[in-house]
Full PDB file with SEQRES, HELIX, SHEET, SSBOND, CRYST1, ORIGX, SCALE, CONECT and MASTER records, all heavy atoms in Angstrom:
SEQRES   1 A   40  GLY MET LYS SER PRO THR VAL THR PRO LEU GLN GLU GLU          
SEQRES   2 A   40  GLY TRP SER SER LEU HIS SER VAL VAL ASN GLU ASN ASP          
SEQRES   3 A   40  PHE TRP GLN LYS ILE ASP GLU LEU LYS SER LEU GLY ALA          
SEQRES   4 A   40  GLN                                                          
HELIX    1 AA1 GLU A   24  ASP A   26  5                                   3    
HELIX    2 AA2 PHE A   27  SER A   36  1                                  10    
SHEET    1 AA1 2 THR A   6  PRO A   9  0                                        
SHEET    2 AA1 2 SER A  16  HIS A  19 -1                                        
CRYST1    1.000    1.000    1.000  90.00  90.00  90.00 P 1           1          
ORIGX1      1.000000  0.000000  0.000000        0.00000                         
ORIGX2      0.000000  1.000000  0.000000        0.00000                         
ORIGX3      0.000000  0.000000  1.000000        0.00000                         
SCALE1      1.000000  0.000000  0.000000        0.00000                         
SCALE2      0.000000  1.000000  0.000000        0.00000                         
SCALE3      0.000000  0.000000  1.000000        0.00000                         
ATOM      1  N   GLY A   1     -11.568 -30.212 -20.021  1.00  0.00           N  
ATOM      2  CA  GLY A   1     -11.862 -31.607 -20.320  1.00  0.00           C  
ATOM      3  C   GLY A   1     -13.218 -31.780 -20.968  1.00  0.00           C  
ATOM      4  O   GLY A   1     -13.758 -30.839 -21.488  1.00  0.00           O  
ATOM      5  N   MET A   2     -13.788 -32.945 -20.897  1.00  0.00           N  
ATOM      6  CA  MET A   2     -15.076 -33.203 -21.490  1.00  0.00           C  
ATOM      7  C   MET A   2     -16.156 -32.525 -20.665  1.00  0.00           C  
ATOM      8  O   MET A   2     -17.167 -32.064 -21.182  1.00  0.00           O  
ATOM      9  CB  MET A   2     -15.354 -34.690 -21.644  1.00  0.00           C  
ATOM     10  CG  MET A   2     -14.340 -35.389 -22.575  1.00  0.00           C  
ATOM     11  SD  MET A   2     -14.543 -37.155 -22.641  1.00  0.00           S  
ATOM     12  CE  MET A   2     -16.092 -37.309 -23.546  1.00  0.00           C  
ATOM     13  N   LYS A   3     -15.991 -32.481 -19.348  1.00  0.00           N  
ATOM     14  CA  LYS A   3     -16.838 -31.726 -18.456  1.00  0.00           C  
ATOM     15  C   LYS A   3     -15.933 -30.863 -17.524  1.00  0.00           C  
ATOM     16  O   LYS A   3     -15.977 -29.659 -17.490  1.00  0.00           O  
ATOM     17  CB  LYS A   3     -17.769 -32.601 -17.658  1.00  0.00           C  
ATOM     18  CG  LYS A   3     -18.908 -33.179 -18.518  1.00  0.00           C  
ATOM     19  CD  LYS A   3     -19.942 -33.898 -17.656  1.00  0.00           C  
ATOM     20  CE  LYS A   3     -21.138 -34.341 -18.530  1.00  0.00           C  
ATOM     21  NZ  LYS A   3     -22.137 -35.052 -17.722  1.00  0.00           N  
ATOM     22  N   SER A   4     -15.096 -31.580 -16.765  1.00  0.00           N  
ATOM     23  CA  SER A   4     -14.086 -30.926 -15.922  1.00  0.00           C  
ATOM     24  C   SER A   4     -13.008 -31.969 -15.658  1.00  0.00           C  
ATOM     25  O   SER A   4     -13.271 -33.172 -15.719  1.00  0.00           O  
ATOM     26  CB  SER A   4     -14.710 -30.436 -14.622  1.00  0.00           C  
ATOM     27  OG  SER A   4     -15.189 -31.513 -13.853  1.00  0.00           O  
ATOM     28  N   PRO A   5     -11.810 -31.525 -15.327  1.00  0.00           N  
ATOM     29  CA  PRO A   5     -10.712 -32.483 -15.086  1.00  0.00           C  
ATOM     30  C   PRO A   5     -11.008 -33.350 -13.836  1.00  0.00           C  
ATOM     31  O   PRO A   5     -11.719 -32.952 -12.948  1.00  0.00           O  
ATOM     32  CB  PRO A   5      -9.504 -31.564 -14.821  1.00  0.00           C  
ATOM     33  CG  PRO A   5      -9.864 -30.257 -15.421  1.00  0.00           C  
ATOM     34  CD  PRO A   5     -11.340 -30.135 -15.270  1.00  0.00           C  
ATOM     35  N   THR A   6     -10.427 -34.539 -13.878  1.00  0.00           N  
ATOM     36  CA  THR A   6     -10.457 -35.415 -12.699  1.00  0.00           C  
ATOM     37  C   THR A   6      -9.284 -35.026 -11.788  1.00  0.00           C  
ATOM     38  O   THR A   6      -8.144 -34.927 -12.279  1.00  0.00           O  
ATOM     39  CB  THR A   6     -10.347 -36.889 -13.085  1.00  0.00           C  
ATOM     40  OG1 THR A   6     -11.454 -37.215 -13.940  1.00  0.00           O  
ATOM     41  CG2 THR A   6     -10.335 -37.791 -11.878  1.00  0.00           C  
ATOM     42  N   VAL A   7      -9.547 -34.777 -10.518  1.00  0.00           N  
ATOM     43  CA  VAL A   7      -8.493 -34.352  -9.584  1.00  0.00           C  
ATOM     44  C   VAL A   7      -8.391 -35.430  -8.493  1.00  0.00           C  
ATOM     45  O   VAL A   7      -9.364 -35.733  -7.815  1.00  0.00           O  
ATOM     46  CB  VAL A   7      -8.814 -32.994  -8.967  1.00  0.00           C  
ATOM     47  CG1 VAL A   7      -7.684 -32.594  -7.994  1.00  0.00           C  
ATOM     48  CG2 VAL A   7      -8.998 -31.942 -10.041  1.00  0.00           C  
ATOM     49  N   THR A   8      -7.158 -35.956  -8.321  1.00  0.00           N  
ATOM     50  CA  THR A   8      -6.897 -37.010  -7.324  1.00  0.00           C  
ATOM     51  C   THR A   8      -5.709 -36.578  -6.446  1.00  0.00           C  
ATOM     52  O   THR A   8      -4.641 -36.283  -6.985  1.00  0.00           O  
ATOM     53  CB  THR A   8      -6.559 -38.334  -8.014  1.00  0.00           C  
ATOM     54  OG1 THR A   8      -7.623 -38.683  -8.918  1.00  0.00           O  
ATOM     55  CG2 THR A   8      -6.378 -39.453  -6.986  1.00  0.00           C  
ATOM     56  N   PRO A   9      -5.884 -36.560  -5.126  1.00  0.00           N  
ATOM     57  CA  PRO A   9      -4.789 -36.183  -4.227  1.00  0.00           C  
ATOM     58  C   PRO A   9      -3.595 -37.135  -4.343  1.00  0.00           C  
ATOM     59  O   PRO A   9      -3.803 -38.341  -4.475  1.00  0.00           O  
ATOM     60  CB  PRO A   9      -5.424 -36.224  -2.821  1.00  0.00           C  
ATOM     61  CG  PRO A   9      -6.889 -36.172  -3.076  1.00  0.00           C  
ATOM     62  CD  PRO A   9      -7.136 -36.833  -4.388  1.00  0.00           C  
ATOM     63  N   LEU A  10      -2.401 -36.618  -4.276  1.00  0.00           N  
ATOM     64  CA  LEU A  10      -1.204 -37.431  -4.245  1.00  0.00           C  
ATOM     65  C   LEU A  10      -0.796 -37.712  -2.823  1.00  0.00           C  
ATOM     66  O   LEU A  10      -1.254 -37.013  -1.892  1.00  0.00           O  
ATOM     67  CB  LEU A  10      -0.055 -36.710  -5.018  1.00  0.00           C  
ATOM     68  CG  LEU A  10      -0.272 -36.484  -6.519  1.00  0.00           C  
ATOM     69  CD1 LEU A  10       0.939 -35.745  -7.063  1.00  0.00           C  
ATOM     70  CD2 LEU A  10      -0.430 -37.828  -7.253  1.00  0.00           C  
ATOM     71  N   GLN A  11       0.103 -38.668  -2.657  1.00  0.00           N  
ATOM     72  CA  GLN A  11       0.587 -38.948  -1.310  1.00  0.00           C  
ATOM     73  C   GLN A  11       1.355 -37.783  -0.745  1.00  0.00           C  
ATOM     74  O   GLN A  11       1.285 -37.503   0.440  1.00  0.00           O  
ATOM     75  CB  GLN A  11       1.452 -40.226  -1.352  1.00  0.00           C  
ATOM     76  CG  GLN A  11       1.887 -40.678   0.052  1.00  0.00           C  
ATOM     77  CD  GLN A  11       2.632 -41.989  -0.015  1.00  0.00           C  
ATOM     78  OE1 GLN A  11       2.909 -42.532  -1.061  1.00  0.00           O  
ATOM     79  NE2 GLN A  11       2.948 -42.560   1.154  1.00  0.00           N  
ATOM     80  N   GLU A  12       2.040 -37.072  -1.612  1.00  0.00           N  
ATOM     81  CA  GLU A  12       2.773 -35.899  -1.163  1.00  0.00           C  
ATOM     82  C   GLU A  12       1.811 -34.780  -0.855  1.00  0.00           C  
ATOM     83  O   GLU A  12       1.002 -34.359  -1.692  1.00  0.00           O  
ATOM     84  CB  GLU A  12       3.774 -35.454  -2.255  1.00  0.00           C  
ATOM     85  CG  GLU A  12       4.631 -34.251  -1.809  1.00  0.00           C  
ATOM     86  CD  GLU A  12       5.663 -33.866  -2.824  1.00  0.00           C  
ATOM     87  OE1 GLU A  12       5.899 -34.661  -3.782  1.00  0.00           O  
ATOM     88  OE2 GLU A  12       6.214 -32.751  -2.730  1.00  0.00           O  
ATOM     89  N   GLU A  13       1.837 -34.270   0.344  1.00  0.00           N  
ATOM     90  CA  GLU A  13       0.884 -33.268   0.789  1.00  0.00           C  
ATOM     91  C   GLU A  13       0.996 -32.010  -0.062  1.00  0.00           C  
ATOM     92  O   GLU A  13       2.119 -31.554  -0.397  1.00  0.00           O  
ATOM     93  CB  GLU A  13       1.145 -32.938   2.258  1.00  0.00           C  
ATOM     94  CG  GLU A  13       0.088 -32.026   2.852  1.00  0.00           C  
ATOM     95  CD  GLU A  13       0.245 -31.818   4.336  1.00  0.00           C  
ATOM     96  OE1 GLU A  13       1.067 -32.576   4.979  1.00  0.00           O  
ATOM     97  OE2 GLU A  13      -0.358 -30.917   4.906  1.00  0.00           O  
ATOM     98  N   GLY A  14      -0.150 -31.455  -0.407  1.00  0.00           N  
ATOM     99  CA  GLY A  14      -0.156 -30.185  -1.155  1.00  0.00           C  
ATOM    100  C   GLY A  14      -0.154 -30.379  -2.673  1.00  0.00           C  
ATOM    101  O   GLY A  14      -0.132 -29.387  -3.409  1.00  0.00           O  
ATOM    102  N   TRP A  15      -0.163 -31.641  -3.114  1.00  0.00           N  
ATOM    103  CA  TRP A  15      -0.107 -31.915  -4.537  1.00  0.00           C  
ATOM    104  C   TRP A  15      -1.259 -32.837  -4.948  1.00  0.00           C  
ATOM    105  O   TRP A  15      -1.719 -33.677  -4.175  1.00  0.00           O  
ATOM    106  CB  TRP A  15       1.229 -32.578  -4.946  1.00  0.00           C  
ATOM    107  CG  TRP A  15       2.362 -31.582  -4.985  1.00  0.00           C  
ATOM    108  CD1 TRP A  15       3.054 -31.048  -3.923  1.00  0.00           C  
ATOM    109  CD2 TRP A  15       2.896 -31.014  -6.171  1.00  0.00           C  
ATOM    110  NE1 TRP A  15       3.989 -30.146  -4.350  1.00  0.00           N  
ATOM    111  CE2 TRP A  15       3.951 -30.132  -5.750  1.00  0.00           C  
ATOM    112  CE3 TRP A  15       2.671 -31.127  -7.519  1.00  0.00           C  
ATOM    113  CZ2 TRP A  15       4.711 -29.381  -6.630  1.00  0.00           C  
ATOM    114  CZ3 TRP A  15       3.434 -30.416  -8.416  1.00  0.00           C  
ATOM    115  CH2 TRP A  15       4.448 -29.546  -7.975  1.00  0.00           C  
ATOM    116  N   SER A  16      -1.664 -32.716  -6.222  1.00  0.00           N  
ATOM    117  CA  SER A  16      -2.723 -33.554  -6.785  1.00  0.00           C  
ATOM    118  C   SER A  16      -2.363 -33.939  -8.209  1.00  0.00           C  
ATOM    119  O   SER A  16      -1.547 -33.274  -8.874  1.00  0.00           O  
ATOM    120  CB  SER A  16      -4.079 -32.845  -6.761  1.00  0.00           C  
ATOM    121  OG  SER A  16      -4.518 -32.622  -5.448  1.00  0.00           O  
ATOM    122  N   SER A  17      -2.999 -35.015  -8.684  1.00  0.00           N  
ATOM    123  CA  SER A  17      -2.886 -35.436 -10.056  1.00  0.00           C  
ATOM    124  C   SER A  17      -4.196 -35.061 -10.788  1.00  0.00           C  
ATOM    125  O   SER A  17      -5.279 -35.276 -10.284  1.00  0.00           O  
ATOM    126  CB  SER A  17      -2.701 -36.957 -10.127  1.00  0.00           C  
ATOM    127  OG  SER A  17      -2.723 -37.393 -11.462  1.00  0.00           O  
ATOM    128  N   LEU A  18      -4.008 -34.446 -11.977  1.00  0.00           N  
ATOM    129  CA  LEU A  18      -5.169 -34.035 -12.779  1.00  0.00           C  
ATOM    130  C   LEU A  18      -5.173 -34.858 -14.072  1.00  0.00           C  
ATOM    131  O   LEU A  18      -4.144 -35.058 -14.707  1.00  0.00           O  
ATOM    132  CB  LEU A  18      -5.111 -32.545 -13.132  1.00  0.00           C  
ATOM    133  CG  LEU A  18      -5.604 -31.567 -12.062  1.00  0.00           C  
ATOM    134  CD1 LEU A  18      -4.578 -31.463 -10.931  1.00  0.00           C  
ATOM    135  CD2 LEU A  18      -5.868 -30.191 -12.667  1.00  0.00           C  
ATOM    136  N   HIS A  19      -6.354 -35.322 -14.444  1.00  0.00           N  
ATOM    137  CA  HIS A  19      -6.523 -36.069 -15.693  1.00  0.00           C  
ATOM    138  C   HIS A  19      -7.543 -35.320 -16.558  1.00  0.00           C  
ATOM    139  O   HIS A  19      -8.592 -34.913 -16.057  1.00  0.00           O  
ATOM    140  CB  HIS A  19      -7.063 -37.481 -15.433  1.00  0.00           C  
ATOM    141  CG  HIS A  19      -6.199 -38.311 -14.579  1.00  0.00           C  
ATOM    142  ND1 HIS A  19      -6.301 -39.687 -14.509  1.00  0.00           N  
ATOM    143  CD2 HIS A  19      -5.158 -38.007 -13.746  1.00  0.00           C  
ATOM    144  CE1 HIS A  19      -5.395 -40.162 -13.697  1.00  0.00           C  
ATOM    145  NE2 HIS A  19      -4.685 -39.153 -13.205  1.00  0.00           N  
ATOM    146  N   SER A  20      -7.251 -35.162 -17.815  1.00  0.00           N  
ATOM    147  CA  SER A  20      -8.159 -34.426 -18.688  1.00  0.00           C  
ATOM    148  C   SER A  20      -7.945 -34.800 -20.146  1.00  0.00           C  
ATOM    149  O   SER A  20      -7.065 -35.612 -20.460  1.00  0.00           O  
ATOM    150  CB  SER A  20      -7.978 -32.912 -18.522  1.00  0.00           C  
ATOM    151  OG  SER A  20      -9.004 -32.202 -19.176  1.00  0.00           O  
ATOM    152  N   VAL A  21      -8.777 -34.224 -21.027  1.00  0.00           N  
ATOM    153  CA  VAL A  21      -8.667 -34.447 -22.461  1.00  0.00           C  
ATOM    154  C   VAL A  21      -8.409 -33.118 -23.150  1.00  0.00           C  
ATOM    155  O   VAL A  21      -9.036 -32.107 -22.825  1.00  0.00           O  
ATOM    156  CB  VAL A  21      -9.982 -35.053 -23.012  1.00  0.00           C  
ATOM    157  CG1 VAL A  21      -9.946 -35.131 -24.542  1.00  0.00           C  
ATOM    158  CG2 VAL A  21     -10.222 -36.418 -22.409  1.00  0.00           C  
ATOM    159  N   VAL A  22      -7.443 -33.112 -24.065  1.00  0.00           N  
ATOM    160  CA  VAL A  22      -7.062 -31.865 -24.761  1.00  0.00           C  
ATOM    161  C   VAL A  22      -7.231 -32.080 -26.261  1.00  0.00           C  
ATOM    162  O   VAL A  22      -6.776 -33.102 -26.794  1.00  0.00           O  
ATOM    163  CB  VAL A  22      -5.621 -31.499 -24.436  1.00  0.00           C  
ATOM    164  CG1 VAL A  22      -5.213 -30.202 -25.164  1.00  0.00           C  
ATOM    165  CG2 VAL A  22      -5.429 -31.254 -22.947  1.00  0.00           C  
ATOM    166  N   ASN A  23      -7.799 -31.099 -26.943  1.00  0.00           N  
ATOM    167  CA  ASN A  23      -7.903 -31.164 -28.401  1.00  0.00           C  
ATOM    168  C   ASN A  23      -6.536 -31.060 -29.033  1.00  0.00           C  
ATOM    169  O   ASN A  23      -5.680 -30.282 -28.594  1.00  0.00           O  
ATOM    170  CB  ASN A  23      -8.804 -30.044 -28.909  1.00  0.00           C  
ATOM    171  CG  ASN A  23      -9.107 -30.153 -30.364  1.00  0.00           C  
ATOM    172  OD1 ASN A  23      -8.327 -29.719 -31.217  1.00  0.00           O  
ATOM    173  ND2 ASN A  23     -10.230 -30.777 -30.717  1.00  0.00           N  
ATOM    174  N   GLU A  24      -6.303 -31.850 -30.082  1.00  0.00           N  
ATOM    175  CA  GLU A  24      -5.029 -31.873 -30.778  1.00  0.00           C  
ATOM    176  C   GLU A  24      -4.594 -30.483 -31.238  1.00  0.00           C  
ATOM    177  O   GLU A  24      -3.413 -30.119 -31.180  1.00  0.00           O  
ATOM    178  CB  GLU A  24      -5.115 -32.827 -31.977  1.00  0.00           C  
ATOM    179  CG  GLU A  24      -3.860 -32.931 -32.783  1.00  0.00           C  
ATOM    180  CD  GLU A  24      -2.799 -33.792 -32.120  1.00  0.00           C  
ATOM    181  OE1 GLU A  24      -3.171 -34.704 -31.362  1.00  0.00           O  
ATOM    182  OE2 GLU A  24      -1.598 -33.531 -32.372  1.00  0.00           O  
ATOM    183  N   ASN A  25      -5.550 -29.685 -31.695  1.00  0.00           N  
ATOM    184  CA  ASN A  25      -5.212 -28.350 -32.236  1.00  0.00           C  
ATOM    185  C   ASN A  25      -4.720 -27.415 -31.164  1.00  0.00           C  
ATOM    186  O   ASN A  25      -4.016 -26.446 -31.428  1.00  0.00           O  
ATOM    187  CB  ASN A  25      -6.449 -27.763 -32.908  1.00  0.00           C  
ATOM    188  CG  ASN A  25      -6.887 -28.554 -34.138  1.00  0.00           C  
ATOM    189  OD1 ASN A  25      -6.036 -29.110 -34.824  1.00  0.00           O  
ATOM    190  ND2 ASN A  25      -8.157 -28.601 -34.405  1.00  0.00           N  
ATOM    191  N   ASP A  26      -5.140 -27.658 -29.858  1.00  0.00           N  
ATOM    192  CA  ASP A  26      -4.760 -26.760 -28.761  1.00  0.00           C  
ATOM    193  C   ASP A  26      -3.606 -27.324 -27.935  1.00  0.00           C  
ATOM    194  O   ASP A  26      -3.184 -26.680 -26.960  1.00  0.00           O  
ATOM    195  CB  ASP A  26      -5.964 -26.523 -27.852  1.00  0.00           C  
ATOM    196  CG  ASP A  26      -7.160 -25.930 -28.591  1.00  0.00           C  
ATOM    197  OD1 ASP A  26      -6.939 -25.172 -29.536  1.00  0.00           O  
ATOM    198  OD2 ASP A  26      -8.300 -26.218 -28.237  1.00  0.00           O  
ATOM    199  N   PHE A  27      -3.110 -28.467 -28.332  1.00  0.00           N  
ATOM    200  CA  PHE A  27      -2.227 -29.234 -27.477  1.00  0.00           C  
ATOM    201  C   PHE A  27      -1.012 -28.449 -26.998  1.00  0.00           C  
ATOM    202  O   PHE A  27      -0.794 -28.287 -25.783  1.00  0.00           O  
ATOM    203  CB  PHE A  27      -1.789 -30.504 -28.236  1.00  0.00           C  
ATOM    204  CG  PHE A  27      -0.778 -31.333 -27.516  1.00  0.00           C  
ATOM    205  CD1 PHE A  27      -1.113 -32.020 -26.373  1.00  0.00           C  
ATOM    206  CD2 PHE A  27       0.531 -31.403 -27.967  1.00  0.00           C  
ATOM    207  CE1 PHE A  27      -0.174 -32.773 -25.683  1.00  0.00           C  
ATOM    208  CE2 PHE A  27       1.453 -32.153 -27.288  1.00  0.00           C  
ATOM    209  CZ  PHE A  27       1.111 -32.851 -26.172  1.00  0.00           C  
ATOM    210  N   TRP A  28      -0.186 -27.958 -27.925  1.00  0.00           N  
ATOM    211  CA  TRP A  28       1.061 -27.318 -27.513  1.00  0.00           C  
ATOM    212  C   TRP A  28       0.835 -26.026 -26.772  1.00  0.00           C  
ATOM    213  O   TRP A  28       1.576 -25.689 -25.831  1.00  0.00           O  
ATOM    214  CB  TRP A  28       1.991 -27.101 -28.717  1.00  0.00           C  
ATOM    215  CG  TRP A  28       2.549 -28.402 -29.211  1.00  0.00           C  
ATOM    216  CD1 TRP A  28       2.249 -29.019 -30.391  1.00  0.00           C  
ATOM    217  CD2 TRP A  28       3.467 -29.238 -28.552  1.00  0.00           C  
ATOM    218  NE1 TRP A  28       2.910 -30.222 -30.482  1.00  0.00           N  
ATOM    219  CE2 TRP A  28       3.680 -30.379 -29.368  1.00  0.00           C  
ATOM    220  CE3 TRP A  28       4.138 -29.185 -27.352  1.00  0.00           C  
ATOM    221  CZ2 TRP A  28       4.534 -31.431 -29.013  1.00  0.00           C  
ATOM    222  CZ3 TRP A  28       4.993 -30.198 -26.973  1.00  0.00           C  
ATOM    223  CH2 TRP A  28       5.179 -31.309 -27.804  1.00  0.00           C  
ATOM    224  N   GLN A  29      -0.164 -25.290 -27.131  1.00  0.00           N  
ATOM    225  CA  GLN A  29      -0.483 -24.061 -26.405  1.00  0.00           C  
ATOM    226  C   GLN A  29      -0.883 -24.362 -24.947  1.00  0.00           C  
ATOM    227  O   GLN A  29      -0.450 -23.677 -24.015  1.00  0.00           O  
ATOM    228  CB  GLN A  29      -1.642 -23.307 -27.084  1.00  0.00           C  
ATOM    229  CG  GLN A  29      -2.051 -22.032 -26.368  1.00  0.00           C  
ATOM    230  CD  GLN A  29      -3.285 -21.397 -26.980  1.00  0.00           C  
ATOM    231  OE1 GLN A  29      -3.706 -21.784 -28.061  1.00  0.00           O  
ATOM    232  NE2 GLN A  29      -3.849 -20.443 -26.307  1.00  0.00           N  
ATOM    233  N   LYS A  30      -1.659 -25.427 -24.779  1.00  0.00           N  
ATOM    234  CA  LYS A  30      -2.062 -25.842 -23.441  1.00  0.00           C  
ATOM    235  C   LYS A  30      -0.868 -26.263 -22.618  1.00  0.00           C  
ATOM    236  O   LYS A  30      -0.774 -25.951 -21.418  1.00  0.00           O  
ATOM    237  CB  LYS A  30      -3.093 -27.005 -23.523  1.00  0.00           C  
ATOM    238  CG  LYS A  30      -4.376 -26.675 -24.228  1.00  0.00           C  
ATOM    239  CD  LYS A  30      -5.238 -25.737 -23.417  1.00  0.00           C  
ATOM    240  CE  LYS A  30      -6.612 -25.548 -24.086  1.00  0.00           C  
ATOM    241  NZ  LYS A  30      -7.424 -24.523 -23.409  1.00  0.00           N  
ATOM    242  N   ILE A  31       0.053 -27.002 -23.246  1.00  0.00           N  
ATOM    243  CA  ILE A  31       1.224 -27.451 -22.513  1.00  0.00           C  
ATOM    244  C   ILE A  31       2.028 -26.295 -21.972  1.00  0.00           C  
ATOM    245  O   ILE A  31       2.454 -26.282 -20.790  1.00  0.00           O  
ATOM    246  CB  ILE A  31       2.131 -28.337 -23.410  1.00  0.00           C  
ATOM    247  CG1 ILE A  31       1.422 -29.642 -23.810  1.00  0.00           C  
ATOM    248  CG2 ILE A  31       3.469 -28.627 -22.759  1.00  0.00           C  
ATOM    249  CD1 ILE A  31       1.131 -30.552 -22.626  1.00  0.00           C  
ATOM    250  N   ASP A  32       2.240 -25.272 -22.778  1.00  0.00           N  
ATOM    251  CA  ASP A  32       3.003 -24.105 -22.343  1.00  0.00           C  
ATOM    252  C   ASP A  32       2.281 -23.394 -21.159  1.00  0.00           C  
ATOM    253  O   ASP A  32       2.902 -22.970 -20.188  1.00  0.00           O  
ATOM    254  CB  ASP A  32       3.174 -23.111 -23.479  1.00  0.00           C  
ATOM    255  CG  ASP A  32       4.122 -23.618 -24.538  1.00  0.00           C  
ATOM    256  OD1 ASP A  32       4.940 -24.527 -24.224  1.00  0.00           O  
ATOM    257  OD2 ASP A  32       4.041 -23.166 -25.697  1.00  0.00           O  
ATOM    258  N   GLU A  33       0.955 -23.271 -21.241  1.00  0.00           N  
ATOM    259  CA  GLU A  33       0.191 -22.658 -20.140  1.00  0.00           C  
ATOM    260  C   GLU A  33       0.290 -23.473 -18.888  1.00  0.00           C  
ATOM    261  O   GLU A  33       0.456 -22.913 -17.804  1.00  0.00           O  
ATOM    262  CB  GLU A  33      -1.280 -22.495 -20.575  1.00  0.00           C  
ATOM    263  CG  GLU A  33      -1.527 -21.484 -21.681  1.00  0.00           C  
ATOM    264  CD  GLU A  33      -3.007 -21.331 -21.997  1.00  0.00           C  
ATOM    265  OE1 GLU A  33      -3.768 -20.977 -21.078  1.00  0.00           O  
ATOM    266  OE2 GLU A  33      -3.424 -21.610 -23.178  1.00  0.00           O  
ATOM    267  N   LEU A  34       0.179 -24.794 -19.011  1.00  0.00           N  
ATOM    268  CA  LEU A  34       0.235 -25.669 -17.805  1.00  0.00           C  
ATOM    269  C   LEU A  34       1.580 -25.572 -17.125  1.00  0.00           C  
ATOM    270  O   LEU A  34       1.670 -25.495 -15.895  1.00  0.00           O  
ATOM    271  CB  LEU A  34      -0.064 -27.087 -18.228  1.00  0.00           C  
ATOM    272  CG  LEU A  34      -1.487 -27.362 -18.716  1.00  0.00           C  
ATOM    273  CD1 LEU A  34      -1.571 -28.771 -19.320  1.00  0.00           C  
ATOM    274  CD2 LEU A  34      -2.475 -27.216 -17.608  1.00  0.00           C  
ATOM    275  N   LYS A  35       2.666 -25.558 -17.897  1.00  0.00           N  
ATOM    276  CA  LYS A  35       3.997 -25.452 -17.313  1.00  0.00           C  
ATOM    277  C   LYS A  35       4.157 -24.153 -16.573  1.00  0.00           C  
ATOM    278  O   LYS A  35       4.763 -24.113 -15.478  1.00  0.00           O  
ATOM    279  CB  LYS A  35       5.063 -25.627 -18.399  1.00  0.00           C  
ATOM    280  CG  LYS A  35       5.140 -27.028 -18.967  1.00  0.00           C  
ATOM    281  CD  LYS A  35       6.187 -27.140 -20.077  1.00  0.00           C  
ATOM    282  CE  LYS A  35       7.582 -26.855 -19.586  1.00  0.00           C  
ATOM    283  NZ  LYS A  35       8.595 -26.982 -20.640  1.00  0.00           N  
ATOM    284  N   SER A  36       3.634 -23.085 -17.129  1.00  0.00           N  
ATOM    285  CA  SER A  36       3.767 -21.758 -16.491  1.00  0.00           C  
ATOM    286  C   SER A  36       2.959 -21.692 -15.182  1.00  0.00           C  
ATOM    287  O   SER A  36       3.286 -20.878 -14.308  1.00  0.00           O  
ATOM    288  CB  SER A  36       3.285 -20.659 -17.455  1.00  0.00           C  
ATOM    289  OG  SER A  36       1.881 -20.726 -17.660  1.00  0.00           O  
ATOM    290  N   LEU A  37       1.956 -22.587 -15.048  1.00  0.00           N  
ATOM    291  CA  LEU A  37       1.153 -22.617 -13.822  1.00  0.00           C  
ATOM    292  C   LEU A  37       1.715 -23.574 -12.772  1.00  0.00           C  
ATOM    293  O   LEU A  37       1.106 -23.758 -11.715  1.00  0.00           O  
ATOM    294  CB  LEU A  37      -0.311 -22.973 -14.155  1.00  0.00           C  
ATOM    295  CG  LEU A  37      -1.075 -21.922 -14.957  1.00  0.00           C  
ATOM    296  CD1 LEU A  37      -2.423 -22.479 -15.425  1.00  0.00           C  
ATOM    297  CD2 LEU A  37      -1.318 -20.656 -14.092  1.00  0.00           C  
ATOM    298  N   GLY A  38       2.816 -24.218 -13.104  1.00  0.00           N  
ATOM    299  CA  GLY A  38       3.454 -25.122 -12.132  1.00  0.00           C  
ATOM    300  C   GLY A  38       3.213 -26.586 -12.332  1.00  0.00           C  
ATOM    301  O   GLY A  38       3.575 -27.421 -11.466  1.00  0.00           O  
ATOM    302  N   ALA A  39       2.576 -26.961 -13.447  1.00  0.00           N  
ATOM    303  CA  ALA A  39       2.344 -28.399 -13.689  1.00  0.00           C  
ATOM    304  C   ALA A  39       3.647 -29.117 -13.911  1.00  0.00           C  
ATOM    305  O   ALA A  39       4.557 -28.610 -14.551  1.00  0.00           O  
ATOM    306  CB  ALA A  39       1.415 -28.558 -14.886  1.00  0.00           C  
ATOM    307  N   GLN A  40       3.713 -30.372 -13.420  1.00  0.00           N  
ATOM    308  CA  GLN A  40       4.922 -31.186 -13.580  1.00  0.00           C  
ATOM    309  C   GLN A  40       4.509 -32.598 -14.017  1.00  0.00           C  
ATOM    310  O   GLN A  40       3.354 -32.989 -13.851  1.00  0.00           O  
ATOM    311  CB  GLN A  40       5.689 -31.246 -12.277  1.00  0.00           C  
ATOM    312  CG  GLN A  40       6.205 -29.938 -11.765  1.00  0.00           C  
ATOM    313  CD  GLN A  40       6.973 -30.073 -10.436  1.00  0.00           C  
ATOM    314  OE1 GLN A  40       7.231 -31.188  -9.980  1.00  0.00           O  
ATOM    315  NE2 GLN A  40       7.314 -28.922  -9.832  1.00  0.00           N  
TER     316      GLN A  40                                                      
MASTER        0    0    0    2    2    0    0    6  315    1    0    4          
END                                                                             
């Protein structure tokens, strides 16, 4: 992100919401990496 992602706990235990900023040029590569790490 601009410094680091914002992380907010979800109501479902063991899960969190992450907010961040991604450069347009890196967008699709980042999406593939995030999905492989379990992002939904």
